[in-house]
């Protein structure tokens, strides 16, 4: 895939957007659709942790990568058309270390 921009090109675009927001806070950035393409999506995927827990959809990073180009194109199309809805976030309560009993810490004893 020789046409894929280097990660530095994506970072440069991100810095330019951040700088514009910093120097001209009165401007309203209404859309970044023209900035985000498959190269941006590939770089975002490259930066994600692959060793984390599966998502709420049950899909692993390895399963997503099996059809990476198709999955990224579908995600990009849904994001640009307004059809994308972020999945729910799975929350897990981790109690604080309040007592001296290790079972209060959520530790395996």
Foldseek 3Di string as FASTA:
>chain_A
DVPQDDPVVLVVVVVVVVVCCVVCVVDDDPDCLVVDDLSNLVSVLVPDDQPDDDFPVRDGNVNCVVPVSVNSVVVSVCVVVVNDDDDDHDDDDQADPDDPDVVNRVDDD
